[in-house]
Structures are given as C-alpha cells and as structure tokens.
Amino acid sequence: MATKQLHRIKTISEYHRLRELPKPEHPLISLIDYGSIKHSPENNPVSWVFDFYSISLKRDFNAKMKYGQQEYDFDEGIMFFISPGQVFSIEVNKESASKHSGWILLIHPDFLWNTPLAKAIKQYEYFDYSANEALHLSEKEETIIVDIMQNIGQEYHSTIDKFSQNIIIAQLELLLSYSERFYHRQFITRKITNHSILNRLEDILATYFNSDSLAQKGLPTVHYIAELLNVSPNYLSGLLKVLTGQSTQQHIHDKLIEKAKEKLSTTDLSISEIAFELGFEHSQSFSKLFKIKTNVSPLEFRQSFN
C-alpha cells in the first residue's frame, strides 16, 4: 500500500493560507466557519500534522478519518480534538465535500504557556490517540459549545487589552470542561481501546519528562525508548518518520522544548537551573538547542510574558 504524503502545518497563519482564508486576526488563536473551508477528494492521499490544537464541531461531514494508526468513528453532527504533533488523515467524497458546516477552533500552544491551562490541557483524554470515537452532541449540547466558541471569537475580534487572554483562557477551560462532561455521558460504558505505538511513545516520554530522570540521566536515548516499546531503534525512527515526518530524536527534542517552555513561563528558576533540571551540563547547550527549535532564546521567550 502506498504511503500517504505528509503535510505539516506549523502556524495558524499557514493554515489560513492553505485553506485560502483571510489572514487571522490573532496569530495564536482563530475561530473559523467550517463552511468556508475548501475540502477536496484530491487531498485524500495526504496525512496532516498540526503544530497547534484543533477543536472541531462539524455537521454533515460524511467522511472517513484516521487518527494516529486507528480509524476514527464519526458521522452526523460531532466534535473531535487534535493535539499538536499528531498525525491524521481525512477522506472525503465528491458528494460531501461541499456540504459540511460547523466551526473549527485553532489554538497555538504558545497562547497557553503562561497559564495553568498549558499543563491542564494535556490531561483531557479526548486529545489522545487512544480516543477513537468522536463526540456526538444533542442540540442543547451543540448550542452550548457553539456559544462558547463564538464568545472566544468575539473576544479576540475586539480590541486586545490586558484582560483579553484571561477571558479567552476562561472560555477555553469552560469549553473543555463541557466537552469532558459530554464525553463522559457518551462513553460511560465504552471499552478501553488498545494504544498504538504512537500513544505508548507519548506515555513513555511524558512519564520520563515528569520525573527526575532528566536531571539524573539526561535526555532519553532512541535505543532506550525503542527497548521499552519492544521494537528496534531503526524501526521506531522509520515508523515515526513515515507517520509524522519526524525522527524519534526530534520527538524527544520537541518534548524537551515543551518542558522548557513550561518551566520558563511558570517558574522563577534561572536559565542555568532550568538547563540543569532538563539534563544539560552547560546552560549554553540548552540555550543553543532552544533557539534552534523556537527562533528565540530562553530569556527572550520568558520576557515575552512580562
């Protein structure tokens, strides 16, 4: 079977350009009318990876979706949630390509970094690869979700002031809490699905990076990760390259930068202290990697929140 072409979209502005939408009013958050997005069966051979969160509410979307390595079950009026760095593909047919409607909310992780939601958003299971069912909503539930989404859109369309981010974050937290309630109602008797290699990899990295292992042992090696997954290092990197466009080492570095951003925005630790906690002997090595990955220094990233 032929491998799908992979298309990685790094910014919300890039997504707007790709979908031939007007330039976003805010570079880190955007609410889009789904009816204005062009879908074509010509894109069926393409897999997608976003470097931002996507929360979608779609109606009349008769299509097949694959999220990670599993088929994603949805039809009718539904919601689904995608995390940064996760691979998915959508196959639409000619009949349904122009009929869909709804809303899609895009949130770049950097919008969240100096807020408690930066950590909390990762706790919602419906962003996980292991979730293989979409969220089906009643009319009442759909009205609640749409109202919150439109409140978010209205807030960033207004004049941005020092209260704007807090108000949008509060609305996002409300949206995620309602979604969790509705998922619990829907899947109260569901069976636990088998995790794919991608999902297991995320679990291993999350456990490692949330422990003292970084400071004590440094970055996990590709060999270490592959051994825990019971696959060879070459097989793991090859698989990830095909599925996500990134090697195992790049995944590890992305997780490291994510942890670094968290510490830079939520603690008063010095750059040297953060570098040590992340397993670096020299803070210069940490700063160099951070700048390569983000185009700004750790200090510049921290100052952007002041």
Foldseek 3Di string as FASTA:
>chain_A
DDFAAEDEAEWPQSVCVVQVHPGALDGFKHKDKVLSGFDDQVNQSYKYFYQWKKKWWKALQPKWKDWAHRTADDYGTFIAIEGHLTIMGIHGDPVSRNPMTTMMMIGHLLLPQLHPVNPVVVVQCRNANQRRYTQDDDPVLSVVLVVLSVVLVVLSVDDDDPCSSVVNVVSVVVNSVSSSVSVCVVCVPPDGGDDDLVRVLVVVLVVCLVDQNCLVPNQDDLCNSCVVVVHHSVVQQVVCCSRRVGGPVVVSLVSLLSVLSNCLNHHPDDLQVSCNSRNHPDSVVVQVSNCVVPVDGSVVSSVVVD
